[in-house]
Amino acid sequence: MDADQRTNTRRMFLQAAVVVGALSVVRGLFPSDGGPPEAGPRQPSPSPAPEPSAPAAGPPLSAGQAGPASGPGPYRLRPMAGETSRSGPGASPPHPEVAFHLSTDSREIFLTFDDGPHPAYTPDVLRILRRHGARATFFVIGENAVEFPGLLRAIADDGHAVANHTWSHPQLTTLPPGAVRGELGHTSELIEEVLGTAPDLARAPYGDWDEPSLDICNALGMSPVGWAIDSQDWTLPGAENIAYTVLDQLHPGAIVLSHDGGGERGQTVEALDWYLPRLLDDGYRPVRIEP
């Protein structure tokens, strides 16, 4: 075997080791062996089942199952591409203006839902929150909200906060100031038109703020919000993993990131239906974010 062949062979072994190591990390994050506790969320069935009208009854949602095809007319909802490692509190350098958790003297927590409204999943989330008397904050995408203004009203009528998550979900730090102002300003105008009040909270896609985008956010009268707990629901790891990710990291004042739009969110609905009563039993009280 000549030198070039030996070099290529060593390179192949190194590449294989990297792949094996990566797979081990993934298995550690999302274990496949060992089911949930008997009272935990049931695993999705192998074949898709019709989405239940109430999460407490009927079969669980199936993995990859989308909302009902007979929604209220055509809409432009699409998966929010690029939900990658840029997401999370470390997506951009921590900034004192951005809230990742909120000070509280009690066991209050702050559930948040991004990328909606969605005609299938947002009503499911609202129904679960309503059943348990919980409040949350919904960071809406303008191009989705313009298609479903009735869902904005439903969110507000249930006592939740409607907040700004830009018009089309771009990474704000890649845009010139005028485009950032358009993304945030256009969405604020829509929310004010529908609800009569402009939003006072905003979240940057991927949690990625910089000084110019923060200045524009403040100039529009909004406080920037991040998150302390990423439920990882956007990775579709299964309802069980989503539920335990939230419960394992829960602490008073935590802002919890989940999604009611931007992709398939049946796992999010199933996980919420399971972990919400359990965190309530543990003395936590989900409330909306107030600036």
C-alpha atoms as a PDB file:
ATOM      1  CA  MET A   1       0.000   0.000   0.000  1.00  0.00           C
ATOM      2  CA  ASP A   2       1.633   3.291  -1.072  1.00  0.00           C
ATOM      3  CA  ALA A   3       1.600   6.492   0.989  1.00  0.00           C
ATOM      4  CA  ASP A   4      -1.432   8.005  -0.785  1.00  0.00           C
ATOM      5  CA  GLN A   5      -3.477   4.865  -0.174  1.00  0.00           C
ATOM      6  CA  ARG A   6      -2.527   4.828   3.529  1.00  0.00           C
ATOM      7  CA  THR A   7      -3.498   8.488   3.831  1.00  0.00           C
ATOM      8  CA  ASN A   8      -6.874   7.875   2.194  1.00  0.00           C
ATOM      9  CA  THR A   9      -7.500   4.868   4.436  1.00  0.00           C
ATOM     10  CA  ARG A  10      -6.747   6.880   7.597  1.00  0.00           C
ATOM     11  CA  ARG A  11      -9.030   9.684   6.372  1.00  0.00           C
ATOM     12  CA  MET A  12     -11.871   7.188   5.831  1.00  0.00           C
ATOM     13  CA  PHE A  13     -11.470   5.801   9.365  1.00  0.00           C
ATOM     14  CA  LEU A  14     -11.450   9.322  10.855  1.00  0.00           C
ATOM     15  CA  GLN A  15     -14.604  10.252   8.951  1.00  0.00           C
ATOM     16  CA  ALA A  16     -16.329   7.084  10.177  1.00  0.00           C
ATOM     17  CA  ALA A  17     -15.338   7.863  13.765  1.00  0.00           C
ATOM     18  CA  VAL A  18     -16.802  11.367  13.493  1.00  0.00           C
ATOM     19  CA  VAL A  19     -20.087   9.961  12.184  1.00  0.00           C
ATOM     20  CA  VAL A  20     -20.276   7.360  14.962  1.00  0.00           C
ATOM     21  CA  GLY A  21     -19.553  10.005  17.587  1.00  0.00           C
ATOM     22  CA  ALA A  22     -22.252  12.279  16.226  1.00  0.00           C
ATOM     23  CA  LEU A  23     -24.782   9.466  16.256  1.00  0.00           C
ATOM     24  CA  SER A  24     -23.894   8.714  19.874  1.00  0.00           C
ATOM     25  CA  VAL A  25     -24.561  12.338  20.839  1.00  0.00           C
ATOM     26  CA  VAL A  26     -27.913  12.279  19.100  1.00  0.00           C
ATOM     27  CA  ARG A  27     -28.899   9.034  20.863  1.00  0.00           C
ATOM     28  CA  GLY A  28     -27.918  10.622  24.171  1.00  0.00           C
ATOM     29  CA  LEU A  29     -30.093  13.641  23.512  1.00  0.00           C
ATOM     30  CA  PHE A  30     -33.081  11.657  22.222  1.00  0.00           C
ATOM     31  CA  PRO A  31     -32.987   8.177  23.770  1.00  0.00           C
ATOM     32  CA  SER A  32     -35.018   5.602  21.916  1.00  0.00           C
ATOM     33  CA  ASP A  33     -34.923   2.838  24.508  1.00  0.00           C
ATOM     34  CA  GLY A  34     -37.149   2.802  27.515  1.00  0.00           C
ATOM     35  CA  GLY A  35     -40.679   4.185  27.296  1.00  0.00           C
ATOM     36  CA  PRO A  36     -42.172   7.019  29.295  1.00  0.00           C
ATOM     37  CA  PRO A  37     -43.791   6.511  32.679  1.00  0.00           C
ATOM     38  CA  GLU A  38     -47.133   4.801  32.525  1.00  0.00           C
ATOM     39  CA  ALA A  39     -48.886   8.181  32.854  1.00  0.00           C
ATOM     40  CA  GLY A  40     -46.647   9.834  30.260  1.00  0.00           C
ATOM     41  CA  PRO A  41     -47.492  10.783  26.695  1.00  0.00           C
ATOM     42  CA  ARG A  42     -48.154   7.829  24.467  1.00  0.00           C
ATOM     43  CA  GLN A  43     -45.876   7.189  21.533  1.00  0.00           C
ATOM     44  CA  PRO A  44     -47.340   8.020  18.123  1.00  0.00           C
ATOM     45  CA  SER A  45     -48.921   5.091  16.339  1.00  0.00           C
ATOM     46  CA  PRO A  46     -47.125   3.719  13.257  1.00  0.00           C
ATOM     47  CA  SER A  47     -49.900   4.784  10.891  1.00  0.00           C
ATOM     48  CA  PRO A  48     -51.407   8.283  10.890  1.00  0.00           C
ATOM     49  CA  ALA A  49     -54.683   8.588  12.763  1.00  0.00           C
ATOM     50  CA  PRO A  50     -57.247  11.385  12.479  1.00  0.00           C
ATOM     51  CA  GLU A  51     -56.429  14.325  14.716  1.00  0.00           C
ATOM     52  CA  PRO A  52     -58.655  14.212  17.817  1.00  0.00           C
ATOM     53  CA  SER A  53     -61.098  16.984  18.490  1.00  0.00           C
ATOM     54  CA  ALA A  54     -59.941  17.112  22.107  1.00  0.00           C
ATOM     55  CA  PRO A  55     -56.424  16.005  23.141  1.00  0.00           C
ATOM     56  CA  ALA A  56     -57.738  14.316  26.303  1.00  0.00           C
ATOM     57  CA  ALA A  57     -59.761  11.788  24.304  1.00  0.00           C
ATOM     58  CA  GLY A  58     -59.041   9.586  21.314  1.00  0.00           C
ATOM     59  CA  PRO A  59     -55.725   8.384  19.870  1.00  0.00           C
ATOM     60  CA  PRO A  60     -52.553  10.483  20.123  1.00  0.00           C
ATOM     61  CA  LEU A  61     -51.289  12.441  17.159  1.00  0.00           C
ATOM     62  CA  SER A  62     -49.053  10.522  14.814  1.00  0.00           C
ATOM     63  CA  ALA A  63     -45.489  11.575  14.041  1.00  0.00           C
ATOM     64  CA  GLY A  64     -45.402  13.799  11.004  1.00  0.00           C
ATOM     65  CA  GLN A  65     -49.173  14.210  10.985  1.00  0.00           C
ATOM     66  CA  ALA A  66     -50.300  17.518   9.591  1.00  0.00           C
ATOM     67  CA  GLY A  67     -53.450  19.425  10.414  1.00  0.00           C
ATOM     68  CA  PRO A  68     -56.719  18.703   8.655  1.00  0.00           C
ATOM     69  CA  ALA A  69     -56.628  19.270   4.927  1.00  0.00           C
ATOM     70  CA  SER A  70     -59.992  21.011   4.974  1.00  0.00           C
ATOM     71  CA  GLY A  71     -58.747  24.194   6.659  1.00  0.00           C
ATOM     72  CA  PRO A  72     -60.357  27.601   6.261  1.00  0.00           C
ATOM     73  CA  GLY A  73     -59.288  28.229   2.699  1.00  0.00           C
ATOM     74  CA  PRO A  74     -55.815  28.540   1.111  1.00  0.00           C
ATOM     75  CA  TYR A  75     -53.005  30.031   3.113  1.00  0.00           C
ATOM     76  CA  ARG A  76     -49.282  30.673   2.823  1.00  0.00           C
ATOM     77  CA  LEU A  77     -48.088  28.759   5.866  1.00  0.00           C
ATOM     78  CA  ARG A  78     -44.807  26.995   5.280  1.00  0.00           C
ATOM     79  CA  PRO A  79     -42.048  25.488   7.421  1.00  0.00           C
ATOM     80  CA  MET A  80     -39.707  28.131   8.774  1.00  0.00           C
ATOM     81  CA  ALA A  81     -36.464  27.041   7.152  1.00  0.00           C
ATOM     82  CA  GLY A  82     -33.240  27.357   9.083  1.00  0.00           C
ATOM     83  CA  GLU A  83     -34.352  26.533  12.636  1.00  0.00           C
ATOM     84  CA  THR A  84     -30.857  25.309  13.407  1.00  0.00           C
ATOM     85  CA  SER A  85     -28.190  25.807  16.017  1.00  0.00           C
ATOM     86  CA  ARG A  86     -28.692  29.550  15.677  1.00  0.00           C
ATOM     87  CA  SER A  87     -31.756  29.034  17.876  1.00  0.00           C
ATOM     88  CA  GLY A  88     -31.560  29.405  21.623  1.00  0.00           C
ATOM     89  CA  PRO A  89     -30.183  31.789  24.213  1.00  0.00           C
ATOM     90  CA  GLY A  90     -26.702  31.375  22.753  1.00  0.00           C
ATOM     91  CA  ALA A  91     -27.786  32.233  19.214  1.00  0.00           C
ATOM     92  CA  SER A  92     -26.330  35.704  19.593  1.00  0.00           C
ATOM     93  CA  PRO A  93     -24.224  37.243  22.372  1.00  0.00           C
ATOM     94  CA  PRO A  94     -26.337  37.844  25.506  1.00  0.00           C
ATOM     95  CA  HIS A  95     -27.646  41.368  25.660  1.00  0.00           C
ATOM     96  CA  PRO A  96     -28.943  43.077  28.805  1.00  0.00           C
ATOM     97  CA  GLU A  97     -32.004  44.336  26.939  1.00  0.00           C
ATOM     98  CA  VAL A  98     -33.207  40.844  25.952  1.00  0.00           C
ATOM     99  CA  ALA A  99     -35.255  38.903  28.518  1.00  0.00           C
ATOM    100  CA  PHE A 100     -34.386  35.209  28.831  1.00  0.00           C
ATOM    101  CA  HIS A 101     -36.084  34.746  32.191  1.00  0.00           C
ATOM    102  CA  LEU A 102     -38.107  37.082  34.372  1.00  0.00           C
ATOM    103  CA  SER A 103     -37.732  37.847  38.040  1.00  0.00           C
ATOM    104  CA  THR A 104     -40.545  36.463  40.155  1.00  0.00           C
ATOM    105  CA  ASP A 105     -41.159  35.763  43.836  1.00  0.00           C
ATOM    106  CA  SER A 106     -43.463  32.859  43.025  1.00  0.00           C
ATOM    107  CA  ARG A 107     -43.385  29.787  40.805  1.00  0.00           C
ATOM    108  CA  GLU A 108     -44.505  31.675  37.721  1.00  0.00           C
ATOM    109  CA  ILE A 109     -43.313  30.523  34.300  1.00  0.00           C
ATOM    110  CA  PHE A 110     -43.854  31.973  30.843  1.00  0.00           C
ATOM    111  CA  LEU A 111     -44.958  29.657  28.037  1.00  0.00           C
ATOM    112  CA  THR A 112     -44.403  31.133  24.579  1.00  0.00           C
ATOM    113  CA  PHE A 113     -45.416  29.888  21.135  1.00  0.00           C
ATOM    114  CA  ASP A 114     -43.775  31.050  17.899  1.00  0.00           C
ATOM    115  CA  ASP A 115     -44.459  31.075  14.147  1.00  0.00           C
ATOM    116  CA  GLY A 116     -48.282  30.944  14.183  1.00  0.00           C
ATOM    117  CA  PRO A 117     -51.074  31.374  13.922  1.00  0.00           C
ATOM    118  CA  HIS A 118     -51.838  28.021  12.318  1.00  0.00           C
ATOM    119  CA  PRO A 119     -55.416  26.926  11.552  1.00  0.00           C
ATOM    120  CA  ALA A 120     -54.908  23.440  13.028  1.00  0.00           C
ATOM    121  CA  TYR A 121     -52.381  23.749  15.829  1.00  0.00           C
ATOM    122  CA  THR A 122     -53.135  27.161  17.330  1.00  0.00           C
ATOM    123  CA  PRO A 123     -56.733  26.198  18.246  1.00  0.00           C
ATOM    124  CA  ASP A 124     -55.418  22.967  19.806  1.00  0.00           C
ATOM    125  CA  VAL A 125     -52.913  24.896  21.929  1.00  0.00           C
ATOM    126  CA  LEU A 126     -55.581  27.406  22.950  1.00  0.00           C
ATOM    127  CA  ARG A 127     -57.974  24.634  23.956  1.00  0.00           C
ATOM    128  CA  ILE A 128     -55.377  22.986  26.211  1.00  0.00           C
ATOM    129  CA  LEU A 129     -54.391  26.277  27.835  1.00  0.00           C
ATOM    130  CA  ARG A 130     -58.054  27.154  28.372  1.00  0.00           C
ATOM    131  CA  ARG A 131     -58.804  23.809  29.988  1.00  0.00           C
ATOM    132  CA  HIS A 132     -56.128  24.416  32.617  1.00  0.00           C
ATOM    133  CA  GLY A 133     -56.614  28.163  33.093  1.00  0.00           C
ATOM    134  CA  ALA A 134     -53.081  28.879  31.841  1.00  0.00           C
ATOM    135  CA  ARG A 135     -51.911  32.026  30.060  1.00  0.00           C
ATOM    136  CA  ALA A 136     -49.198  32.286  27.423  1.00  0.00           C
ATOM    137  CA  THR A 137     -47.572  34.635  24.911  1.00  0.00           C
ATOM    138  CA  PHE A 138     -47.875  34.043  21.148  1.00  0.00           C
ATOM    139  CA  PHE A 139     -45.179  35.504  18.891  1.00  0.00           C
ATOM    140  CA  VAL A 140     -46.924  35.629  15.513  1.00  0.00           C
ATOM    141  CA  ILE A 141     -45.606  35.788  11.954  1.00  0.00           C
ATOM    142  CA  GLY A 142     -47.238  38.619  10.010  1.00  0.00           C
ATOM    143  CA  GLU A 143     -47.727  36.723   6.770  1.00  0.00           C
ATOM    144  CA  ASN A 144     -49.558  33.979   8.689  1.00  0.00           C
ATOM    145  CA  ALA A 145     -51.543  36.386  10.866  1.00  0.00           C
ATOM    146  CA  VAL A 146     -52.839  38.286   7.843  1.00  0.00           C
ATOM    147  CA  GLU A 147     -54.445  35.045   6.621  1.00  0.00           C
ATOM    148  CA  PHE A 148     -56.053  34.248   9.992  1.00  0.00           C
ATOM    149  CA  PRO A 149     -57.009  37.444  11.815  1.00  0.00           C
ATOM    150  CA  GLY A 150     -59.717  35.495  13.621  1.00  0.00           C
ATOM    151  CA  LEU A 151     -57.025  33.425  15.334  1.00  0.00           C
ATOM    152  CA  LEU A 152     -55.347  36.605  16.584  1.00  0.00           C
ATOM    153  CA  ARG A 153     -58.683  37.599  18.136  1.00  0.00           C
ATOM    154  CA  ALA A 154     -59.100  34.124  19.627  1.00  0.00           C
ATOM    155  CA  ILE A 155     -55.646  34.347  21.240  1.00  0.00           C
ATOM    156  CA  ALA A 156     -56.388  37.780  22.702  1.00  0.00           C
ATOM    157  CA  ASP A 157     -59.923  36.861  23.769  1.00  0.00           C
ATOM    158  CA  ASP A 158     -58.536  33.985  25.842  1.00  0.00           C
ATOM    159  CA  GLY A 159     -56.339  36.417  27.753  1.00  0.00           C
ATOM    160  CA  HIS A 160     -53.020  35.620  26.081  1.00  0.00           C
ATOM    161  CA  ALA A 161     -50.503  38.158  24.798  1.00  0.00           C
ATOM    162  CA  VAL A 162     -50.073  38.618  21.046  1.00  0.00           C
ATOM    163  CA  ALA A 163     -46.489  39.598  20.226  1.00  0.00           C
ATOM    164  CA  ASN A 164     -44.359  40.341  17.157  1.00  0.00           C
ATOM    165  CA  HIS A 165     -42.157  37.702  15.467  1.00  0.00           C
ATOM    166  CA  THR A 166     -41.540  39.683  12.237  1.00  0.00           C
ATOM    167  CA  TRP A 167     -43.427  39.470   8.954  1.00  0.00           C
ATOM    168  CA  SER A 168     -41.601  36.638   7.169  1.00  0.00           C
ATOM    169  CA  HIS A 169     -39.137  35.156   9.722  1.00  0.00           C
ATOM    170  CA  PRO A 170     -35.794  36.389   8.356  1.00  0.00           C
ATOM    171  CA  GLN A 171     -32.587  36.569  10.356  1.00  0.00           C
ATOM    172  CA  LEU A 172     -32.672  40.234  11.337  1.00  0.00           C
ATOM    173  CA  THR A 173     -28.918  40.574  11.735  1.00  0.00           C
ATOM    174  CA  THR A 174     -28.473  39.923   7.999  1.00  0.00           C
ATOM    175  CA  LEU A 175     -30.840  42.727   6.936  1.00  0.00           C
ATOM    176  CA  PRO A 176     -30.289  46.460   6.467  1.00  0.00           C
ATOM    177  CA  PRO A 177     -32.067  48.684   9.014  1.00  0.00           C
ATOM    178  CA  GLY A 178     -34.866  49.614   6.604  1.00  0.00           C
ATOM    179  CA  ALA A 179     -35.768  45.972   6.049  1.00  0.00           C
ATOM    180  CA  VAL A 180     -35.690  45.255   9.794  1.00  0.00           C
ATOM    181  CA  ARG A 181     -38.054  48.163  10.378  1.00  0.00           C
ATOM    182  CA  GLY A 182     -40.350  46.825   7.669  1.00  0.00           C
ATOM    183  CA  GLU A 183     -40.410  43.290   9.116  1.00  0.00           C
ATOM    184  CA  LEU A 184     -41.230  44.468  12.630  1.00  0.00           C
ATOM    185  CA  GLY A 185     -43.260  47.557  11.762  1.00  0.00           C
ATOM    186  CA  HIS A 186     -45.546  45.888   9.238  1.00  0.00           C
ATOM    187  CA  THR A 187     -46.397  43.126  11.705  1.00  0.00           C
ATOM    188  CA  SER A 188     -47.079  45.611  14.506  1.00  0.00           C
ATOM    189  CA  GLU A 189     -49.411  47.558  12.212  1.00  0.00           C
ATOM    190  CA  LEU A 190     -51.334  44.403  11.332  1.00  0.00           C
ATOM    191  CA  ILE A 191     -51.739  43.380  14.978  1.00  0.00           C
ATOM    192  CA  GLU A 192     -52.927  46.868  15.884  1.00  0.00           C
ATOM    193  CA  GLU A 193     -55.390  46.855  12.988  1.00  0.00           C
ATOM    194  CA  VAL A 194     -56.869  43.523  14.080  1.00  0.00           C
ATOM    195  CA  LEU A 195     -56.795  43.923  17.863  1.00  0.00           C
ATOM    196  CA  GLY A 196     -56.853  47.689  18.313  1.00  0.00           C
ATOM    197  CA  THR A 197     -53.554  47.659  20.217  1.00  0.00           C
ATOM    198  CA  ALA A 198     -50.009  47.392  18.920  1.00  0.00           C
ATOM    199  CA  PRO A 199     -47.799  44.677  20.438  1.00  0.00           C
ATOM    200  CA  ASP A 200     -45.310  45.643  23.118  1.00  0.00           C
ATOM    201  CA  LEU A 201     -43.156  42.488  22.868  1.00  0.00           C
ATOM    202  CA  ALA A 202     -41.007  41.165  20.020  1.00  0.00           C
ATOM    203  CA  ARG A 203     -38.838  38.114  19.408  1.00  0.00           C
ATOM    204  CA  ALA A 204     -36.203  37.961  16.697  1.00  0.00           C
ATOM    205  CA  PRO A 205     -36.189  34.817  14.549  1.00  0.00           C
ATOM    206  CA  TYR A 206     -33.506  32.453  15.870  1.00  0.00           C
ATOM    207  CA  GLY A 207     -33.191  34.743  18.904  1.00  0.00           C
ATOM    208  CA  ASP A 208     -30.649  36.709  16.880  1.00  0.00           C
ATOM    209  CA  TRP A 209     -30.560  40.402  17.853  1.00  0.00           C
ATOM    210  CA  ASP A 210     -27.910  43.040  17.263  1.00  0.00           C
ATOM    211  CA  GLU A 211     -27.694  46.708  18.238  1.00  0.00           C
ATOM    212  CA  PRO A 212     -29.424  48.096  15.109  1.00  0.00           C
ATOM    213  CA  SER A 213     -32.341  45.631  15.321  1.00  0.00           C
ATOM    214  CA  LEU A 214     -32.706  46.253  19.067  1.00  0.00           C
ATOM    215  CA  ASP A 215     -32.767  50.004  18.467  1.00  0.00           C
ATOM    216  CA  ILE A 216     -35.556  49.564  15.896  1.00  0.00           C
ATOM    217  CA  CYS A 217     -37.464  47.237  18.214  1.00  0.00           C
ATOM    218  CA  ASN A 218     -37.302  49.837  20.989  1.00  0.00           C
ATOM    219  CA  ALA A 219     -38.226  52.674  18.644  1.00  0.00           C
ATOM    220  CA  LEU A 220     -41.385  50.739  17.721  1.00  0.00           C
ATOM    221  CA  GLY A 221     -42.318  50.528  21.400  1.00  0.00           C
ATOM    222  CA  MET A 222     -41.499  46.859  21.946  1.00  0.00           C
ATOM    223  CA  SER A 223     -39.363  44.986  24.478  1.00  0.00           C
ATOM    224  CA  PRO A 224     -37.165  42.169  23.076  1.00  0.00           C
ATOM    225  CA  VAL A 225     -37.764  38.670  24.426  1.00  0.00           C
ATOM    226  CA  GLY A 226     -35.614  35.538  24.211  1.00  0.00           C
ATOM    227  CA  TRP A 227     -36.023  32.257  26.069  1.00  0.00           C
ATOM    228  CA  ALA A 228     -34.418  30.267  28.862  1.00  0.00           C
ATOM    229  CA  ILE A 229     -35.793  26.835  27.902  1.00  0.00           C
ATOM    230  CA  ASP A 230     -35.887  25.628  24.300  1.00  0.00           C
ATOM    231  CA  SER A 231     -38.399  22.763  24.148  1.00  0.00           C
ATOM    232  CA  GLN A 232     -36.633  21.557  20.972  1.00  0.00           C
ATOM    233  CA  ASP A 233     -40.048  20.880  19.446  1.00  0.00           C
ATOM    234  CA  TRP A 234     -38.822  22.275  16.124  1.00  0.00           C
ATOM    235  CA  THR A 235     -36.545  19.214  15.813  1.00  0.00           C
ATOM    236  CA  LEU A 236     -39.597  16.875  16.011  1.00  0.00           C
ATOM    237  CA  PRO A 237     -37.954  14.607  18.623  1.00  0.00           C
ATOM    238  CA  GLY A 238     -41.276  13.104  19.755  1.00  0.00           C
ATOM    239  CA  ALA A 239     -43.814  14.305  22.313  1.00  0.00           C
ATOM    240  CA  GLU A 240     -42.096  12.487  25.178  1.00  0.00           C
ATOM    241  CA  ASN A 241     -38.767  14.228  24.586  1.00  0.00           C
ATOM    242  CA  ILE A 242     -40.428  17.618  24.264  1.00  0.00           C
ATOM    243  CA  ALA A 243     -42.306  17.124  27.532  1.00  0.00           C
ATOM    244  CA  TYR A 244     -39.271  16.020  29.514  1.00  0.00           C
ATOM    245  CA  THR A 245     -37.086  18.762  28.026  1.00  0.00           C
ATOM    246  CA  VAL A 246     -39.497  21.328  29.467  1.00  0.00           C
ATOM    247  CA  LEU A 247     -40.068  19.616  32.825  1.00  0.00           C
ATOM    248  CA  ASP A 248     -36.394  18.800  33.431  1.00  0.00           C
ATOM    249  CA  GLN A 249     -35.268  22.418  32.948  1.00  0.00           C
ATOM    250  CA  LEU A 250     -38.206  24.184  34.540  1.00  0.00           C
ATOM    251  CA  HIS A 251     -37.471  26.892  37.119  1.00  0.00           C
ATOM    252  CA  PRO A 252     -39.352  29.953  38.408  1.00  0.00           C
ATOM    253  CA  GLY A 253     -39.251  32.837  35.947  1.00  0.00           C
ATOM    254  CA  ALA A 254     -38.254  30.690  32.961  1.00  0.00           C
ATOM    255  CA  ILE A 255     -39.405  31.685  29.485  1.00  0.00           C
ATOM    256  CA  VAL A 256     -40.205  28.486  27.555  1.00  0.00           C
ATOM    257  CA  LEU A 257     -39.947  28.363  23.754  1.00  0.00           C
ATOM    258  CA  SER A 258     -42.393  26.204  21.768  1.00  0.00           C
ATOM    259  CA  HIS A 259     -44.075  26.552  18.369  1.00  0.00           C
ATOM    260  CA  ASP A 260     -47.695  26.533  17.218  1.00  0.00           C
ATOM    261  CA  GLY A 261     -46.837  27.151  13.556  1.00  0.00           C
ATOM    262  CA  GLY A 262     -44.047  27.085  11.003  1.00  0.00           C
ATOM    263  CA  GLY A 263     -44.188  23.318  10.496  1.00  0.00           C
ATOM    264  CA  GLU A 264     -45.739  20.110  11.794  1.00  0.00           C
ATOM    265  CA  ARG A 265     -46.658  20.785  15.445  1.00  0.00           C
ATOM    266  CA  GLY A 266     -48.716  17.738  16.436  1.00  0.00           C
ATOM    267  CA  GLN A 267     -45.919  16.638  18.788  1.00  0.00           C
ATOM    268  CA  THR A 268     -45.978  20.053  20.479  1.00  0.00           C
ATOM    269  CA  VAL A 269     -49.724  19.769  21.083  1.00  0.00           C
ATOM    270  CA  GLU A 270     -49.420  16.253  22.478  1.00  0.00           C
ATOM    271  CA  ALA A 271     -46.512  17.209  24.733  1.00  0.00           C
ATOM    272  CA  LEU A 272     -48.299  20.320  26.060  1.00  0.00           C
ATOM    273  CA  ASP A 273     -51.386  18.275  26.841  1.00  0.00           C
ATOM    274  CA  TRP A 274     -49.248  15.982  28.997  1.00  0.00           C
ATOM    275  CA  TYR A 275     -46.763  18.304  30.737  1.00  0.00           C
ATOM    276  CA  LEU A 276     -49.051  21.275  31.486  1.00  0.00           C
ATOM    277  CA  PRO A 277     -51.147  19.549  34.197  1.00  0.00           C
ATOM    278  CA  ARG A 278     -47.978  18.117  35.711  1.00  0.00           C
ATOM    279  CA  LEU A 279     -46.221  21.448  36.069  1.00  0.00           C
ATOM    280  CA  LEU A 280     -49.432  22.854  37.550  1.00  0.00           C
ATOM    281  CA  ASP A 281     -49.472  20.001  40.068  1.00  0.00           C
ATOM    282  CA  ASP A 282     -45.892  20.951  40.923  1.00  0.00           C
ATOM    283  CA  GLY A 283     -47.038  24.445  41.864  1.00  0.00           C
ATOM    284  CA  TYR A 284     -46.041  26.331  38.700  1.00  0.00           C
ATOM    285  CA  ARG A 285     -48.376  28.974  37.278  1.00  0.00           C
ATOM    286  CA  PRO A 286     -48.079  29.797  33.536  1.00  0.00           C
ATOM    287  CA  VAL A 287     -48.680  33.517  32.961  1.00  0.00           C
ATOM    288  CA  ARG A 288     -48.318  35.867  29.995  1.00  0.00           C
ATOM    289  CA  ILE A 289     -45.268  38.090  29.645  1.00  0.00           C
ATOM    290  CA  GLU A 290     -45.883  41.678  30.626  1.00  0.00           C
ATOM    291  CA  PRO A 291     -43.319  44.311  29.514  1.00  0.00           C
END
